[in-house]
N, C-alpha and C. Protein backbone atom coordinates (compact mmCIF):
# COMPACT_ATOMS: atom_id res chain seq x y z
N UNK A 1 -3.00 5.54 33.18
CA UNK A 1 -2.37 6.01 31.94
C UNK A 1 -3.35 5.89 30.78
N UNK A 2 -3.48 6.94 30.01
CA UNK A 2 -4.41 6.94 28.89
C UNK A 2 -3.92 5.99 27.79
N UNK A 3 -4.89 5.32 27.15
CA UNK A 3 -4.54 4.41 26.07
C UNK A 3 -4.05 5.20 24.87
N UNK A 4 -3.14 4.61 24.13
CA UNK A 4 -2.61 5.26 22.94
C UNK A 4 -3.41 4.84 21.72
N UNK A 5 -3.43 5.73 20.73
CA UNK A 5 -4.08 5.40 19.47
C UNK A 5 -3.34 4.25 18.81
N UNK A 6 -4.06 3.45 18.04
CA UNK A 6 -3.44 2.34 17.32
C UNK A 6 -2.34 2.85 16.41
N UNK A 7 -1.19 2.19 16.45
CA UNK A 7 -0.08 2.57 15.58
C UNK A 7 -0.08 1.77 14.28
N UNK A 8 -1.00 0.81 14.18
CA UNK A 8 -1.04 -0.06 13.00
C UNK A 8 -2.24 0.21 12.10
N UNK A 9 -3.30 0.81 12.64
CA UNK A 9 -4.51 1.06 11.87
C UNK A 9 -4.73 2.57 11.71
N UNK A 10 -5.00 2.98 10.49
CA UNK A 10 -5.34 4.39 10.26
C UNK A 10 -6.64 4.45 9.45
N UNK A 11 -7.30 5.59 9.56
CA UNK A 11 -8.50 5.86 8.77
C UNK A 11 -8.09 6.75 7.62
N UNK A 12 -8.50 6.38 6.41
CA UNK A 12 -8.09 7.12 5.23
C UNK A 12 -9.27 7.25 4.27
N UNK A 13 -9.39 8.39 3.63
CA UNK A 13 -10.50 8.64 2.71
C UNK A 13 -10.18 8.14 1.30
N UNK A 14 -11.16 7.48 0.70
CA UNK A 14 -11.03 7.00 -0.68
C UNK A 14 -12.35 7.28 -1.40
N UNK A 15 -12.26 7.79 -2.60
CA UNK A 15 -13.47 8.10 -3.38
C UNK A 15 -14.18 6.81 -3.81
N UNK A 16 -15.49 6.85 -3.96
CA UNK A 16 -16.27 5.65 -4.28
C UNK A 16 -15.78 4.89 -5.51
N UNK A 17 -15.42 5.61 -6.60
CA UNK A 17 -15.00 4.91 -7.81
C UNK A 17 -13.69 4.15 -7.60
N UNK A 18 -12.77 4.73 -6.79
CA UNK A 18 -11.52 4.04 -6.51
C UNK A 18 -11.75 2.83 -5.60
N UNK A 19 -12.67 2.98 -4.64
CA UNK A 19 -13.00 1.86 -3.76
C UNK A 19 -13.64 0.72 -4.56
N UNK A 20 -14.51 1.06 -5.49
CA UNK A 20 -15.14 0.03 -6.33
C UNK A 20 -14.09 -0.73 -7.13
N UNK A 21 -13.06 -0.04 -7.60
CA UNK A 21 -11.98 -0.70 -8.34
C UNK A 21 -11.15 -1.60 -7.44
N UNK A 22 -11.01 -1.22 -6.18
CA UNK A 22 -10.28 -2.07 -5.23
C UNK A 22 -11.08 -3.33 -4.93
N UNK A 23 -12.38 -3.17 -4.68
CA UNK A 23 -13.23 -4.32 -4.36
C UNK A 23 -13.26 -5.31 -5.52
N UNK A 24 -13.32 -4.81 -6.74
CA UNK A 24 -13.36 -5.69 -7.93
C UNK A 24 -11.98 -6.19 -8.32
N UNK A 25 -10.94 -5.67 -7.65
CA UNK A 25 -9.54 -6.04 -7.88
C UNK A 25 -9.02 -5.55 -9.23
N UNK A 26 -9.72 -4.59 -9.81
CA UNK A 26 -9.18 -3.90 -10.98
C UNK A 26 -7.95 -3.10 -10.56
N UNK A 27 -8.02 -2.55 -9.37
CA UNK A 27 -6.93 -1.77 -8.79
C UNK A 27 -6.38 -2.53 -7.60
N UNK A 28 -5.06 -2.80 -7.59
CA UNK A 28 -4.49 -3.55 -6.47
C UNK A 28 -3.45 -2.75 -5.68
N UNK A 29 -3.31 -1.48 -6.00
CA UNK A 29 -2.45 -0.58 -5.22
C UNK A 29 -3.19 0.74 -4.99
N UNK A 30 -3.05 1.27 -3.80
CA UNK A 30 -3.57 2.60 -3.49
C UNK A 30 -2.42 3.58 -3.56
N UNK A 31 -2.55 4.61 -4.38
CA UNK A 31 -1.46 5.55 -4.61
C UNK A 31 -1.67 6.83 -3.79
N UNK A 32 -0.58 7.30 -3.22
CA UNK A 32 -0.63 8.51 -2.41
C UNK A 32 0.59 9.38 -2.71
N UNK A 33 0.45 10.67 -2.46
CA UNK A 33 1.55 11.60 -2.66
C UNK A 33 2.40 11.75 -1.41
N UNK A 34 2.09 11.00 -0.38
CA UNK A 34 2.81 11.08 0.88
C UNK A 34 3.04 9.68 1.43
N UNK A 35 4.04 9.57 2.28
CA UNK A 35 4.39 8.29 2.89
C UNK A 35 3.60 8.13 4.18
N UNK A 36 2.90 7.01 4.29
CA UNK A 36 2.18 6.70 5.52
C UNK A 36 3.17 6.31 6.61
N UNK A 37 2.81 6.45 7.89
CA UNK A 37 3.71 6.02 8.96
C UNK A 37 4.16 4.58 8.75
N UNK A 38 5.44 4.27 8.96
CA UNK A 38 5.94 2.92 8.67
C UNK A 38 5.28 1.82 9.48
N UNK A 39 4.65 2.17 10.59
CA UNK A 39 3.99 1.16 11.42
C UNK A 39 2.62 0.76 10.87
N UNK A 40 2.13 1.46 9.85
CA UNK A 40 0.78 1.21 9.33
C UNK A 40 0.67 -0.15 8.66
N UNK A 41 -0.30 -0.93 9.11
CA UNK A 41 -0.55 -2.25 8.53
C UNK A 41 -1.92 -2.33 7.86
N UNK A 42 -2.88 -1.55 8.40
CA UNK A 42 -4.25 -1.64 7.87
C UNK A 42 -4.84 -0.25 7.65
N UNK A 43 -5.69 -0.18 6.62
CA UNK A 43 -6.43 1.04 6.34
C UNK A 43 -7.90 0.78 6.62
N UNK A 44 -8.49 1.58 7.49
CA UNK A 44 -9.94 1.60 7.63
C UNK A 44 -10.43 2.63 6.62
N UNK A 45 -11.08 2.14 5.59
CA UNK A 45 -11.40 2.98 4.43
C UNK A 45 -12.68 3.77 4.68
N UNK A 46 -12.52 5.09 4.71
CA UNK A 46 -13.67 5.98 4.78
C UNK A 46 -14.07 6.32 3.36
N UNK A 47 -15.20 5.79 2.93
CA UNK A 47 -15.70 6.08 1.59
C UNK A 47 -16.36 7.45 1.60
N UNK A 48 -15.90 8.30 0.73
CA UNK A 48 -16.40 9.68 0.71
C UNK A 48 -17.84 9.73 0.18
N UNK A 49 -18.39 10.94 0.14
CA UNK A 49 -19.78 11.17 -0.27
C UNK A 49 -20.08 10.50 -1.63
N UNK A 50 -21.24 9.88 -1.79
CA UNK A 50 -22.42 9.98 -0.93
C UNK A 50 -22.48 8.97 0.22
N UNK A 51 -21.62 7.96 0.24
CA UNK A 51 -21.69 6.95 1.31
C UNK A 51 -21.31 7.56 2.66
N UNK A 52 -20.18 8.27 2.70
CA UNK A 52 -19.69 8.91 3.93
C UNK A 52 -19.71 7.94 5.10
N UNK A 53 -18.98 6.83 4.92
CA UNK A 53 -19.00 5.78 5.94
C UNK A 53 -17.76 4.90 5.83
N UNK A 54 -17.48 4.18 6.92
CA UNK A 54 -16.41 3.19 6.95
C UNK A 54 -17.05 1.80 6.90
N UNK A 55 -16.65 1.02 5.92
CA UNK A 55 -17.17 -0.34 5.82
C UNK A 55 -16.08 -1.37 5.56
N UNK A 56 -14.96 -0.96 4.98
CA UNK A 56 -13.94 -1.91 4.56
C UNK A 56 -12.61 -1.65 5.28
N UNK A 57 -11.87 -2.75 5.47
CA UNK A 57 -10.55 -2.70 6.09
C UNK A 57 -9.57 -3.36 5.13
N UNK A 58 -8.50 -2.67 4.78
CA UNK A 58 -7.51 -3.20 3.85
C UNK A 58 -6.18 -3.40 4.56
N UNK A 59 -5.60 -4.57 4.39
CA UNK A 59 -4.24 -4.84 4.86
C UNK A 59 -3.30 -4.48 3.71
N UNK A 60 -2.28 -3.70 4.00
CA UNK A 60 -1.43 -3.14 2.94
C UNK A 60 0.04 -3.51 3.11
N UNK A 61 0.79 -3.26 2.05
CA UNK A 61 2.24 -3.44 2.06
C UNK A 61 2.90 -2.14 2.54
N UNK A 62 4.22 -2.15 2.57
CA UNK A 62 4.96 -0.91 2.79
C UNK A 62 4.78 -0.01 1.55
N UNK A 63 5.17 1.23 1.67
CA UNK A 63 5.07 2.15 0.54
C UNK A 63 6.10 1.84 -0.54
N UNK A 64 5.63 1.56 -1.73
CA UNK A 64 6.53 1.26 -2.85
C UNK A 64 6.77 2.53 -3.66
N UNK A 65 7.95 2.64 -4.23
CA UNK A 65 8.31 3.76 -5.07
C UNK A 65 8.32 3.34 -6.54
N UNK A 66 8.32 4.29 -7.47
CA UNK A 66 8.31 3.94 -8.89
C UNK A 66 9.40 2.92 -9.25
N UNK A 67 9.00 1.89 -9.98
CA UNK A 67 9.91 0.81 -10.36
C UNK A 67 9.85 -0.38 -9.42
N UNK A 68 9.10 -0.29 -8.33
CA UNK A 68 9.08 -1.37 -7.34
C UNK A 68 7.82 -2.23 -7.38
N UNK A 69 6.80 -1.84 -8.13
CA UNK A 69 5.57 -2.64 -8.15
C UNK A 69 5.74 -3.87 -9.03
N UNK A 70 6.19 -3.67 -10.26
CA UNK A 70 6.49 -4.80 -11.17
C UNK A 70 5.29 -5.73 -11.34
N UNK A 71 4.12 -5.17 -11.52
CA UNK A 71 2.88 -5.95 -11.69
C UNK A 71 1.97 -5.18 -12.62
N UNK A 72 1.80 -5.71 -13.83
CA UNK A 72 1.01 -5.01 -14.84
C UNK A 72 -0.49 -5.24 -14.70
N UNK A 73 -0.91 -6.09 -13.77
CA UNK A 73 -2.32 -6.45 -13.70
C UNK A 73 -3.19 -5.38 -13.06
N UNK A 74 -2.61 -4.48 -12.28
CA UNK A 74 -3.39 -3.49 -11.57
C UNK A 74 -3.47 -2.16 -12.29
N UNK A 75 -4.59 -1.48 -12.13
CA UNK A 75 -4.82 -0.18 -12.74
C UNK A 75 -3.74 0.82 -12.34
N UNK A 76 -3.08 1.40 -13.34
CA UNK A 76 -2.07 2.47 -13.21
C UNK A 76 -0.72 1.98 -12.64
N UNK A 77 -0.57 0.68 -12.44
CA UNK A 77 0.70 0.17 -11.92
C UNK A 77 1.86 0.48 -12.86
N UNK A 78 1.66 0.22 -14.15
CA UNK A 78 2.73 0.45 -15.12
C UNK A 78 3.07 1.94 -15.23
N UNK A 79 2.04 2.78 -15.22
CA UNK A 79 2.28 4.23 -15.28
C UNK A 79 3.12 4.68 -14.08
N UNK A 80 2.78 4.15 -12.91
CA UNK A 80 3.51 4.50 -11.70
C UNK A 80 4.96 4.04 -11.80
N UNK A 81 5.17 2.79 -12.23
CA UNK A 81 6.53 2.25 -12.32
C UNK A 81 7.38 3.02 -13.31
N UNK A 82 6.78 3.49 -14.39
CA UNK A 82 7.53 4.26 -15.39
C UNK A 82 7.83 5.68 -14.93
N UNK A 83 7.17 6.10 -13.87
CA UNK A 83 7.36 7.47 -13.40
C UNK A 83 6.42 8.46 -14.06
N UNK A 84 5.41 7.95 -14.78
CA UNK A 84 4.48 8.83 -15.48
C UNK A 84 3.59 9.63 -14.51
N UNK A 85 3.46 9.15 -13.29
CA UNK A 85 2.60 9.84 -12.31
C UNK A 85 3.40 10.75 -11.39
N UNK A 86 4.68 10.96 -11.72
CA UNK A 86 5.54 11.80 -10.89
C UNK A 86 4.93 13.20 -10.76
N UNK A 87 4.94 13.71 -9.54
CA UNK A 87 4.35 15.01 -9.27
C UNK A 87 2.93 14.90 -8.75
N UNK A 88 2.29 13.75 -9.02
CA UNK A 88 0.93 13.53 -8.51
C UNK A 88 0.92 12.51 -7.38
N UNK A 89 1.63 11.41 -7.55
CA UNK A 89 1.74 10.40 -6.49
C UNK A 89 3.20 9.96 -6.37
N UNK A 90 3.59 9.58 -5.17
CA UNK A 90 4.96 9.16 -4.92
C UNK A 90 5.07 7.73 -4.40
N UNK A 91 3.99 7.21 -3.81
CA UNK A 91 4.05 5.90 -3.18
C UNK A 91 2.83 5.06 -3.55
N UNK A 92 3.06 3.76 -3.69
CA UNK A 92 1.98 2.82 -3.97
C UNK A 92 1.91 1.78 -2.87
N UNK A 93 0.72 1.55 -2.35
CA UNK A 93 0.52 0.58 -1.28
C UNK A 93 -0.32 -0.58 -1.81
N UNK A 94 0.28 -1.77 -1.82
CA UNK A 94 -0.44 -2.93 -2.33
C UNK A 94 -1.59 -3.29 -1.39
N UNK A 95 -2.77 -3.54 -1.96
CA UNK A 95 -3.92 -4.00 -1.18
C UNK A 95 -3.83 -5.52 -1.12
N UNK A 96 -3.33 -6.02 -0.02
CA UNK A 96 -3.08 -7.46 0.09
C UNK A 96 -4.27 -8.26 0.61
N UNK A 97 -5.12 -7.57 1.34
CA UNK A 97 -6.27 -8.24 1.93
C UNK A 97 -7.37 -7.21 2.12
N UNK A 98 -8.61 -7.60 1.85
CA UNK A 98 -9.74 -6.69 2.04
C UNK A 98 -10.83 -7.42 2.82
N UNK A 99 -11.31 -6.75 3.88
CA UNK A 99 -12.37 -7.31 4.72
C UNK A 99 -13.47 -6.28 4.89
N UNK A 100 -14.65 -6.77 5.29
CA UNK A 100 -15.82 -5.91 5.38
C UNK A 100 -16.48 -6.03 6.75
N UNK A 101 -16.85 -4.89 7.33
CA UNK A 101 -17.61 -4.90 8.57
C UNK A 101 -19.04 -5.38 8.28
N UNK A 102 -19.73 -5.94 9.28
CA UNK A 102 -21.12 -6.39 9.06
C UNK A 102 -22.04 -5.26 8.65
N UNK A 103 -21.76 -4.06 9.13
CA UNK A 103 -22.56 -2.90 8.74
C UNK A 103 -21.64 -1.69 8.62
N UNK A 104 -22.00 -0.73 7.79
CA UNK A 104 -21.16 0.47 7.66
C UNK A 104 -21.29 1.36 8.89
N UNK A 105 -20.21 2.07 9.21
CA UNK A 105 -20.22 3.07 10.27
C UNK A 105 -20.27 4.44 9.60
N UNK A 106 -21.45 5.06 9.68
CA UNK A 106 -21.65 6.34 9.00
C UNK A 106 -20.86 7.44 9.71
N UNK A 107 -20.72 8.56 9.03
CA UNK A 107 -20.04 9.69 9.64
C UNK A 107 -20.75 10.13 10.91
N UNK A 108 -22.09 10.06 10.91
CA UNK A 108 -22.85 10.41 12.12
C UNK A 108 -22.50 9.45 13.26
N UNK A 109 -22.38 8.15 12.96
CA UNK A 109 -21.99 7.16 13.97
C UNK A 109 -20.60 7.48 14.52
N UNK A 110 -19.68 7.77 13.62
CA UNK A 110 -18.29 8.03 14.00
C UNK A 110 -18.18 9.27 14.88
N UNK A 111 -18.94 10.30 14.54
CA UNK A 111 -18.91 11.53 15.34
C UNK A 111 -19.62 11.34 16.68
N UNK A 112 -20.75 10.63 16.65
CA UNK A 112 -21.51 10.41 17.88
C UNK A 112 -20.69 9.60 18.90
N UNK A 113 -19.90 8.65 18.42
CA UNK A 113 -19.08 7.82 19.30
C UNK A 113 -17.77 8.50 19.72
N UNK A 114 -17.51 9.67 19.12
CA UNK A 114 -16.27 10.37 19.43
C UNK A 114 -15.06 9.79 18.73
N UNK A 115 -15.30 9.01 17.67
CA UNK A 115 -14.19 8.37 16.95
C UNK A 115 -13.59 9.30 15.90
N UNK A 116 -14.41 10.19 15.36
CA UNK A 116 -13.96 11.20 14.40
C UNK A 116 -14.69 12.51 14.68
N UNK A 117 -14.01 13.60 14.39
CA UNK A 117 -14.66 14.91 14.50
C UNK A 117 -15.29 15.32 13.17
N UNK A 118 -14.83 14.69 12.11
CA UNK A 118 -15.34 14.98 10.77
C UNK A 118 -14.67 14.03 9.80
N UNK A 119 -15.03 14.13 8.55
CA UNK A 119 -14.42 13.27 7.53
C UNK A 119 -12.92 13.51 7.47
N UNK A 120 -12.09 12.44 7.46
CA UNK A 120 -10.63 12.63 7.41
C UNK A 120 -10.20 13.29 6.11
N UNK A 121 -9.39 14.34 6.22
CA UNK A 121 -8.91 15.05 5.04
C UNK A 121 -7.70 14.35 4.42
N UNK A 122 -6.88 13.76 5.26
CA UNK A 122 -5.69 13.05 4.81
C UNK A 122 -5.75 11.63 5.40
N UNK A 123 -5.35 11.49 6.62
CA UNK A 123 -5.54 10.24 7.36
C UNK A 123 -5.44 10.57 8.84
N UNK A 124 -5.89 9.63 9.67
CA UNK A 124 -5.76 9.79 11.12
C UNK A 124 -5.66 8.40 11.75
N UNK A 125 -5.00 8.33 12.88
CA UNK A 125 -4.89 7.06 13.59
C UNK A 125 -6.23 6.70 14.24
N UNK A 126 -6.47 5.41 14.37
CA UNK A 126 -7.68 4.94 15.04
C UNK A 126 -7.56 5.19 16.54
N UNK A 127 -8.56 5.84 17.11
CA UNK A 127 -8.54 6.16 18.54
C UNK A 127 -8.73 4.89 19.37
N UNK A 128 -8.20 4.88 20.61
CA UNK A 128 -8.31 3.68 21.46
C UNK A 128 -9.74 3.20 21.65
N UNK A 129 -10.68 4.12 21.87
CA UNK A 129 -12.08 3.72 22.09
C UNK A 129 -12.64 3.02 20.85
N UNK A 130 -12.30 3.51 19.69
CA UNK A 130 -12.75 2.89 18.45
C UNK A 130 -12.10 1.52 18.26
N UNK A 131 -10.81 1.45 18.54
CA UNK A 131 -10.07 0.19 18.42
C UNK A 131 -10.65 -0.87 19.34
N UNK A 132 -11.00 -0.47 20.57
CA UNK A 132 -11.54 -1.42 21.56
C UNK A 132 -12.85 -2.03 21.07
N UNK A 133 -13.66 -1.23 20.41
CA UNK A 133 -14.95 -1.73 19.93
C UNK A 133 -14.78 -2.58 18.67
N UNK A 134 -14.02 -2.08 17.71
CA UNK A 134 -13.95 -2.74 16.40
C UNK A 134 -13.14 -4.03 16.41
N UNK A 135 -12.20 -4.16 17.33
CA UNK A 135 -11.38 -5.39 17.31
C UNK A 135 -12.19 -6.63 17.67
N UNK A 136 -13.36 -6.44 18.27
CA UNK A 136 -14.22 -7.59 18.61
C UNK A 136 -15.31 -7.81 17.56
N UNK A 137 -15.35 -6.97 16.53
CA UNK A 137 -16.36 -7.10 15.47
C UNK A 137 -15.85 -8.06 14.40
N UNK A 138 -16.61 -9.13 14.09
CA UNK A 138 -16.17 -10.07 13.05
C UNK A 138 -16.17 -9.43 11.67
N UNK A 139 -15.16 -9.75 10.89
CA UNK A 139 -15.03 -9.19 9.55
C UNK A 139 -15.28 -10.26 8.50
N UNK A 140 -15.92 -9.89 7.41
CA UNK A 140 -16.13 -10.81 6.29
C UNK A 140 -15.02 -10.61 5.27
N UNK A 141 -14.37 -11.72 4.92
CA UNK A 141 -13.25 -11.65 3.98
C UNK A 141 -13.77 -11.42 2.56
N UNK A 142 -13.21 -10.40 1.90
CA UNK A 142 -13.52 -10.14 0.49
C UNK A 142 -12.49 -10.83 -0.39
N UNK A 143 -11.21 -10.62 -0.11
CA UNK A 143 -10.13 -11.35 -0.76
C UNK A 143 -8.88 -11.27 0.09
N UNK A 144 -7.97 -12.21 -0.17
CA UNK A 144 -6.72 -12.28 0.59
C UNK A 144 -5.63 -12.79 -0.33
N UNK A 145 -4.63 -11.96 -0.60
CA UNK A 145 -3.53 -12.35 -1.47
C UNK A 145 -2.28 -12.74 -0.68
N UNK A 146 -2.36 -12.65 0.65
CA UNK A 146 -1.19 -12.97 1.48
C UNK A 146 -0.98 -14.47 1.53
N UNK A 147 0.25 -14.97 1.22
CA UNK A 147 0.53 -16.39 1.41
C UNK A 147 0.35 -16.77 2.87
N UNK A 148 0.04 -18.02 3.10
CA UNK A 148 -0.20 -18.48 4.47
C UNK A 148 0.99 -18.22 5.38
N UNK A 149 2.20 -18.30 4.82
CA UNK A 149 3.40 -18.13 5.64
C UNK A 149 3.79 -16.67 5.81
N UNK A 150 3.06 -15.75 5.16
CA UNK A 150 3.42 -14.35 5.23
C UNK A 150 2.34 -13.57 5.95
N UNK A 151 2.71 -12.78 6.92
CA UNK A 151 1.77 -11.96 7.66
C UNK A 151 2.34 -10.56 7.74
N UNK A 152 1.53 -9.57 8.12
CA UNK A 152 2.08 -8.22 8.29
C UNK A 152 3.25 -8.18 9.27
N UNK A 153 3.21 -9.03 10.32
CA UNK A 153 4.31 -9.05 11.28
C UNK A 153 5.59 -9.57 10.62
N UNK A 154 5.42 -10.60 9.78
CA UNK A 154 6.59 -11.14 9.09
C UNK A 154 7.14 -10.15 8.08
N UNK A 155 6.22 -9.40 7.46
CA UNK A 155 6.63 -8.39 6.47
C UNK A 155 7.58 -7.37 7.08
N UNK A 156 7.35 -7.05 8.36
CA UNK A 156 8.19 -6.04 9.02
C UNK A 156 9.63 -6.52 9.17
N UNK A 157 9.83 -7.84 9.11
CA UNK A 157 11.16 -8.39 9.27
C UNK A 157 11.95 -8.45 7.96
N UNK A 158 11.26 -8.23 6.85
CA UNK A 158 11.93 -8.29 5.56
C UNK A 158 12.82 -7.08 5.35
N UNK A 159 13.92 -7.21 4.60
CA UNK A 159 14.76 -6.05 4.33
C UNK A 159 14.02 -5.04 3.48
N UNK A 160 14.42 -3.79 3.58
CA UNK A 160 13.78 -2.75 2.78
C UNK A 160 14.15 -2.92 1.32
N UNK A 161 13.35 -2.28 0.47
CA UNK A 161 13.63 -2.36 -0.98
C UNK A 161 15.03 -1.84 -1.29
N UNK A 162 15.42 -0.78 -0.59
CA UNK A 162 16.74 -0.20 -0.84
C UNK A 162 17.84 -1.22 -0.52
N UNK A 163 17.69 -1.90 0.61
CA UNK A 163 18.69 -2.90 1.00
C UNK A 163 18.75 -4.02 -0.01
N UNK A 164 17.58 -4.45 -0.50
CA UNK A 164 17.56 -5.53 -1.49
C UNK A 164 18.28 -5.10 -2.76
N UNK A 165 18.04 -3.87 -3.20
CA UNK A 165 18.69 -3.38 -4.41
C UNK A 165 20.19 -3.33 -4.23
N UNK A 166 20.63 -2.79 -3.09
CA UNK A 166 22.06 -2.69 -2.84
C UNK A 166 22.71 -4.07 -2.82
N UNK A 167 22.04 -5.03 -2.19
CA UNK A 167 22.60 -6.38 -2.14
C UNK A 167 22.67 -6.99 -3.53
N UNK A 168 21.60 -6.80 -4.30
CA UNK A 168 21.57 -7.34 -5.66
C UNK A 168 22.67 -6.74 -6.52
N UNK A 169 22.90 -5.45 -6.36
CA UNK A 169 23.93 -4.78 -7.15
C UNK A 169 25.32 -5.31 -6.81
N UNK A 170 25.54 -5.57 -5.52
CA UNK A 170 26.85 -6.13 -5.12
C UNK A 170 27.03 -7.53 -5.70
N UNK A 171 25.93 -8.33 -5.66
CA UNK A 171 26.02 -9.69 -6.19
C UNK A 171 26.25 -9.68 -7.69
N UNK A 172 25.53 -8.79 -8.39
CA UNK A 172 25.68 -8.73 -9.83
C UNK A 172 27.06 -8.22 -10.25
N UNK A 173 27.63 -7.37 -9.42
CA UNK A 173 28.95 -6.83 -9.77
C UNK A 173 30.02 -7.92 -9.73
N UNK A 174 29.73 -9.00 -9.00
CA UNK A 174 30.68 -10.12 -8.93
C UNK A 174 30.52 -11.06 -10.10
N UNK A 175 29.49 -10.82 -10.90
CA UNK A 175 29.24 -11.70 -12.04
C UNK A 175 28.97 -10.88 -13.29
N UNK A 176 30.02 -10.18 -13.73
CA UNK A 176 29.88 -9.29 -14.89
C UNK A 176 29.46 -10.06 -16.13
N UNK A 177 29.93 -11.24 -16.25
CA UNK A 177 29.59 -12.04 -17.43
C UNK A 177 28.09 -12.28 -17.49
N UNK A 178 27.48 -12.54 -16.32
CA UNK A 178 26.03 -12.77 -16.30
C UNK A 178 25.27 -11.55 -16.72
N UNK A 179 25.71 -10.38 -16.31
CA UNK A 179 25.03 -9.14 -16.69
C UNK A 179 25.18 -8.90 -18.19
N UNK A 180 26.38 -9.19 -18.72
CA UNK A 180 26.62 -8.94 -20.13
C UNK A 180 25.75 -9.83 -21.02
N UNK A 181 25.44 -11.04 -20.55
CA UNK A 181 24.63 -11.94 -21.35
C UNK A 181 23.22 -11.40 -21.55
N UNK A 182 22.65 -10.82 -20.48
CA UNK A 182 21.27 -10.34 -20.56
C UNK A 182 21.17 -8.86 -20.86
N UNK A 183 22.31 -8.14 -20.80
CA UNK A 183 22.39 -6.73 -21.18
C UNK A 183 21.29 -5.89 -20.53
N UNK A 184 21.52 -5.40 -19.32
CA UNK A 184 20.55 -4.50 -18.70
C UNK A 184 20.36 -3.26 -19.54
N UNK A 185 19.18 -2.64 -19.41
CA UNK A 185 18.87 -1.49 -20.27
C UNK A 185 19.86 -0.35 -20.13
N UNK A 186 20.06 0.37 -21.22
CA UNK A 186 20.97 1.50 -21.22
C UNK A 186 20.26 2.74 -20.71
N UNK A 187 21.04 3.67 -20.23
CA UNK A 187 20.48 4.92 -19.71
C UNK A 187 19.93 5.78 -20.83
N UNK A 188 18.66 6.25 -20.65
CA UNK A 188 18.06 7.17 -21.61
C UNK A 188 17.30 8.23 -20.85
N UNK A 189 18.01 9.13 -20.22
CA UNK A 189 17.37 10.25 -19.55
C UNK A 189 17.23 10.05 -18.05
N UNK A 190 16.88 8.84 -17.61
CA UNK A 190 16.66 8.61 -16.18
C UNK A 190 17.96 8.33 -15.45
N UNK A 191 19.01 7.94 -16.17
CA UNK A 191 20.27 7.65 -15.51
C UNK A 191 20.50 6.15 -15.40
N UNK A 192 21.74 5.74 -15.63
CA UNK A 192 22.08 4.31 -15.60
C UNK A 192 21.78 3.68 -14.25
N UNK A 193 22.09 4.40 -13.16
CA UNK A 193 21.90 3.84 -11.82
C UNK A 193 20.43 3.50 -11.58
N UNK A 194 19.50 4.41 -11.89
CA UNK A 194 18.08 4.19 -11.63
C UNK A 194 17.55 3.02 -12.45
N UNK A 195 17.95 2.94 -13.74
CA UNK A 195 17.48 1.86 -14.59
C UNK A 195 18.05 0.52 -14.17
N UNK A 196 19.31 0.52 -13.72
CA UNK A 196 19.91 -0.73 -13.27
C UNK A 196 19.19 -1.24 -12.03
N UNK A 197 18.82 -0.32 -11.13
CA UNK A 197 18.10 -0.74 -9.93
C UNK A 197 16.75 -1.34 -10.29
N UNK A 198 16.04 -0.73 -11.26
CA UNK A 198 14.76 -1.29 -11.67
C UNK A 198 14.96 -2.64 -12.35
N UNK A 199 15.98 -2.75 -13.15
CA UNK A 199 16.27 -4.03 -13.83
C UNK A 199 16.53 -5.13 -12.83
N UNK A 200 17.26 -4.80 -11.75
CA UNK A 200 17.57 -5.80 -10.73
C UNK A 200 16.33 -6.20 -9.94
N UNK A 201 15.40 -5.28 -9.75
CA UNK A 201 14.18 -5.61 -9.00
C UNK A 201 13.23 -6.44 -9.83
N UNK A 202 13.05 -6.05 -11.10
CA UNK A 202 12.00 -6.63 -11.91
C UNK A 202 12.51 -7.67 -12.90
N UNK A 203 13.81 -7.71 -13.13
CA UNK A 203 14.36 -8.62 -14.11
C UNK A 203 14.46 -7.96 -15.47
N UNK A 204 15.20 -8.55 -16.39
CA UNK A 204 15.35 -7.96 -17.72
C UNK A 204 14.04 -7.95 -18.48
N UNK A 205 13.85 -6.97 -19.34
CA UNK A 205 12.62 -6.88 -20.13
C UNK A 205 12.55 -8.02 -21.11
N UNK A 206 11.32 -8.42 -21.42
CA UNK A 206 11.13 -9.51 -22.37
C UNK A 206 11.53 -9.06 -23.77
């Protein structure tokens, strides 16, 4: 039986300036206009021209939607949460861990080994032959924001953002007095339901 492509690792293209912001931690979310497969745990980052190579591996979160990041420290996080990037990006993936291969794998290397036919235009799953080789290659840690008790496997067991919101709304509805004290934001164009969900995720504004 032929081996299957990795369901947890994908190869994805990122421009050099965006990769530099990720390495320096100026940017802590990668934004995309499409939802990655839910099984995706790691991104093998193909840095586009002039590097045209894979050198870094990022461990990521699930795809977050506007209002779910709630972290002002990262580049464009607030714009995304406010919905200012609507029409350009729909999902944000937190970069939780970044590691580096001992040497870059150039596009020529990738093609010669049969791992890629060309630079990925969107994303592609890691082929079995590539996975077999790379899983034995030691990686150098650049940074790791994952708590010791939290791993990608444990993340898969957590409830979805939608479930958390629904649960929070049910709990808050049982305590109307508590909501009235902090006064969740009023609807101004986006709708009361959407703003209430964001308020429950992120807490009341300062």
